[in-house]
């Protein structure tokens, strides 16, 4: 028999935050390496940088703008999509709760009342505004928002480390 795994918002949130912190650490370490390399290169180039240096400095500026733009776009769209999803889920949840409450109120027997009360409690337990679910979703949006910066910083660290 295969082991069953149940959904655990707290476990998922912990894993998401661990991934976020790990990726942030990688990003900061790579950024420090790239800044150190480029600062030394600027100092060595002096007032008359070579064509290769000018190309690298131009690339540096363009990459920062692109990464920031992509990160802001991912952030905005991520939270907009999250807000829409929560609004839709909340509306659906309200209708389901209302229908279950009406069914409970129209119960014809104690056993039917207990059955419908359990159904209503189950619906209430799956509220879309669950703080752990919201925090987990927000963490994923933050990861997606930082991905362009993380990807460029680690790629530059690898590229510049190899020069």
Protein backbone atom coordinates (compact mmCIF):
# COMPACT_ATOMS: atom_id res chain seq x y z
CA UNK A 1 0.00 0.00 0.00
CA UNK A 2 1.37 3.43 -0.95
CA UNK A 3 1.84 5.92 1.90
CA UNK A 4 -0.70 8.70 1.90
CA UNK A 5 0.39 12.26 2.21
CA UNK A 6 -2.03 14.90 3.30
CA UNK A 7 -1.93 18.55 2.36
CA UNK A 8 -0.27 20.61 5.05
CA UNK A 9 -0.34 24.39 4.52
CA UNK A 10 2.15 24.87 7.37
CA UNK A 11 4.61 22.38 5.83
CA UNK A 12 4.19 24.00 2.41
CA UNK A 13 4.67 27.47 3.91
CA UNK A 14 7.82 26.35 5.70
CA UNK A 15 9.19 24.82 2.51
CA UNK A 16 8.34 27.95 0.52
CA UNK A 17 10.03 30.23 3.02
CA UNK A 18 13.08 27.96 3.18
CA UNK A 19 13.33 28.09 -0.61
CA UNK A 20 12.91 31.90 -0.55
CA UNK A 21 15.61 32.37 2.06
CA UNK A 22 17.97 29.99 0.24
CA UNK A 23 17.47 31.76 -3.08
CA UNK A 24 17.86 35.17 -1.44
CA UNK A 25 21.15 34.02 0.09
CA UNK A 26 22.35 32.79 -3.32
CA UNK A 27 21.28 36.08 -4.89
CA UNK A 28 23.06 38.20 -2.26
CA UNK A 29 26.25 36.13 -2.48
CA UNK A 30 26.25 36.28 -6.28
CA UNK A 31 25.50 40.02 -6.22
CA UNK A 32 28.39 40.66 -3.84
CA UNK A 33 30.72 38.69 -6.11
CA UNK A 34 29.54 40.55 -9.23
CA UNK A 35 29.73 43.98 -7.55
CA UNK A 36 33.25 43.22 -6.33
CA UNK A 37 34.36 42.07 -9.77
CA UNK A 38 32.81 44.99 -11.60
CA UNK A 39 34.02 47.58 -9.09
CA UNK A 40 37.57 46.28 -9.42
CA UNK A 41 37.19 46.31 -13.18
CA UNK A 42 35.97 49.93 -13.13
CA UNK A 43 38.85 50.99 -10.90
CA UNK A 44 41.37 49.22 -13.16
CA UNK A 45 39.82 50.73 -16.32
CA UNK A 46 40.14 54.27 -14.99
CA UNK A 47 38.85 57.20 -17.04
CA UNK A 48 39.54 55.45 -20.37
CA UNK A 49 37.84 52.03 -20.29
CA UNK A 50 38.53 49.60 -23.11
CA UNK A 51 35.82 48.53 -25.56
CA UNK A 52 35.42 45.29 -23.62
CA UNK A 53 34.99 47.24 -20.37
CA UNK A 54 32.47 49.64 -21.93
CA UNK A 55 30.49 46.67 -23.24
CA UNK A 56 30.46 45.08 -19.77
CA UNK A 57 29.45 48.34 -18.06
CA UNK A 58 26.66 48.88 -20.61
CA UNK A 59 25.48 45.30 -20.12
CA UNK A 60 25.47 45.86 -16.36
CA UNK A 61 23.17 48.85 -16.66
CA UNK A 62 20.81 47.19 -19.14
CA UNK A 63 20.55 43.99 -17.08
CA UNK A 64 19.67 45.87 -13.91
CA UNK A 65 16.86 47.73 -15.68
CA UNK A 66 15.52 44.57 -17.32
CA UNK A 67 15.67 42.53 -14.10
CA UNK A 68 13.96 45.28 -12.10
CA UNK A 69 11.25 45.66 -14.74
CA UNK A 70 10.61 41.91 -14.90
CA UNK A 71 10.59 41.64 -11.11
CA UNK A 72 8.07 44.48 -10.74
CA UNK A 73 5.87 43.01 -13.46
CA UNK A 74 5.93 39.56 -11.81
CA UNK A 75 5.17 41.16 -8.44
CA UNK A 76 2.23 43.20 -9.72
CA UNK A 77 0.71 40.44 -11.82
CA UNK A 78 1.30 37.86 -9.11
CA UNK A 79 -0.55 39.80 -6.44
CA UNK A 80 -3.28 40.88 -8.88
CA UNK A 81 -3.88 37.23 -9.82
CA UNK A 82 -3.81 36.26 -6.14
CA UNK A 83 -6.39 38.95 -5.29
CA UNK A 84 -8.66 37.82 -8.13
CA UNK A 85 -8.37 34.16 -7.11
CA UNK A 86 -9.16 34.98 -3.48
CA UNK A 87 -12.14 37.12 -4.54
CA UNK A 88 -13.54 34.36 -6.76
CA UNK A 89 -12.95 31.70 -4.10
CA UNK A 90 -14.53 33.93 -1.45
CA UNK A 91 -17.64 34.49 -3.56
CA UNK A 92 -17.97 30.78 -4.25
CA UNK A 93 -17.39 30.01 -0.59
CA UNK A 94 -20.09 32.48 0.45
CA UNK A 95 -22.64 30.80 -1.85
CA UNK A 96 -21.67 27.33 -0.64
CA UNK A 97 -21.89 28.47 2.99
CA UNK A 98 -25.30 30.08 2.40
CA UNK A 99 -26.65 26.95 0.71
CA UNK A 100 -25.31 24.71 3.49
CA UNK A 101 -26.77 27.00 6.17
CA UNK A 102 -30.16 26.99 4.43
CA UNK A 103 -30.02 23.21 4.17
CA UNK A 104 -29.15 22.99 7.87
CA UNK A 105 -32.07 25.25 8.76
CA UNK A 106 -34.46 23.08 6.76
CA UNK A 107 -33.38 19.80 8.37
CA UNK A 108 -36.26 17.40 8.99
CA UNK A 109 -34.62 15.12 11.56
CA UNK A 110 -31.83 15.15 14.16
CA UNK A 111 -29.68 12.85 12.01
CA UNK A 112 -30.19 15.09 8.97
CA UNK A 113 -29.35 18.12 11.11
CA UNK A 114 -26.08 16.48 12.30
CA UNK A 115 -25.17 15.50 8.75
CA UNK A 116 -25.81 19.00 7.42
CA UNK A 117 -24.01 20.61 10.34
CA UNK A 118 -20.95 18.50 9.55
CA UNK A 119 -21.16 19.59 5.90
CA UNK A 120 -21.36 23.24 6.95
CA UNK A 121 -18.38 22.81 9.30
CA UNK A 122 -16.37 21.23 6.46
CA UNK A 123 -17.14 24.19 4.18
CA UNK A 124 -16.16 26.64 6.94
CA UNK A 125 -12.86 24.82 7.49
CA UNK A 126 -11.92 25.31 3.83
CA UNK A 127 -12.29 29.09 3.84
CA UNK A 128 -10.24 30.71 1.05
CA UNK A 129 -8.94 33.37 3.43
CA UNK A 130 -7.01 30.78 5.43
CA UNK A 131 -3.94 32.70 6.67
CA UNK A 132 -1.56 29.83 5.95
CA UNK A 133 -2.83 29.45 2.38
CA UNK A 134 -2.60 33.20 1.80
CA UNK A 135 0.91 33.36 3.26
CA UNK A 136 1.98 30.41 1.12
CA UNK A 137 0.57 32.04 -2.02
CA UNK A 138 2.23 35.36 -1.18
CA UNK A 139 5.55 33.58 -0.65
CA UNK A 140 5.28 32.03 -4.12
CA UNK A 141 4.59 35.47 -5.63
CA UNK A 142 7.68 36.84 -3.89
CA UNK A 143 9.78 33.94 -5.22
CA UNK A 144 8.52 34.58 -8.75
CA UNK A 145 9.20 38.31 -8.33
CA UNK A 146 12.79 37.79 -7.23
CA UNK A 147 13.51 35.14 -9.89
CA UNK A 148 14.66 37.58 -12.62
CA UNK A 149 17.11 39.26 -10.25
CA UNK A 150 18.30 35.92 -8.83
CA UNK A 151 18.77 34.43 -12.31
CA UNK A 152 20.81 37.37 -13.62
CA UNK A 153 22.93 37.71 -10.49
CA UNK A 154 23.85 34.02 -10.39
CA UNK A 155 24.43 33.90 -14.15
CA UNK A 156 26.70 36.96 -13.95
CA UNK A 157 28.58 35.53 -11.00
CA UNK A 158 29.21 32.34 -12.98
CA UNK A 159 30.16 34.26 -16.14
CA UNK A 160 32.39 36.82 -14.46
CA UNK A 161 34.00 34.20 -12.23
CA UNK A 162 35.07 32.38 -15.37
CA UNK A 163 36.70 35.45 -17.00
